[in-house]
Amino acid sequence: MSLFVLTSAAAGTVWMTERGYPAIIISLNSSTFHGLVISPDGTKNCIWDSTGVNQSGLPDFFNIKYSPELIEHRFAVIKSGCLIACVNDFEDAETNAHLNDAEIFCKFSELSQFVDTNTK
């Protein structure tokens, strides 16, 4: 992972982990990025360094790997804060949401609207 990876990260941007989970940046400072990862096991707080490596004691697959521009086509299906599915197709997302009685299914980029990024 290069240092370039998180240079364009800003609060409210959605990235993707190595395992394909949405990672929402909540806040940042000069050397760390704080956010949430929506995984099949629930929503996890995470801290990443400037290269996208998680510093939270979570498995390596919580490292950030993909930038927002590379995942714009991805849809997330979420139920009770847990990731049910990540798919590339709207119809697949809609079907998964219906079959699992999921509360949310949307493009990755829209996930930040469900998270309070106000750190005041």
Foldseek 3Di string as FASTA:
>chain_A
DDLVPCPPDDQLFWFAFQVGWIWGFQHDDDFKTWTWTAAQVFIDTWIATSVQQTPPPDDRRNGTDGGRVVQQQWKFFAAPRHTPDIDRDPVVQVVSCVVVVTDDIDGSSPVSVVPNSDPD
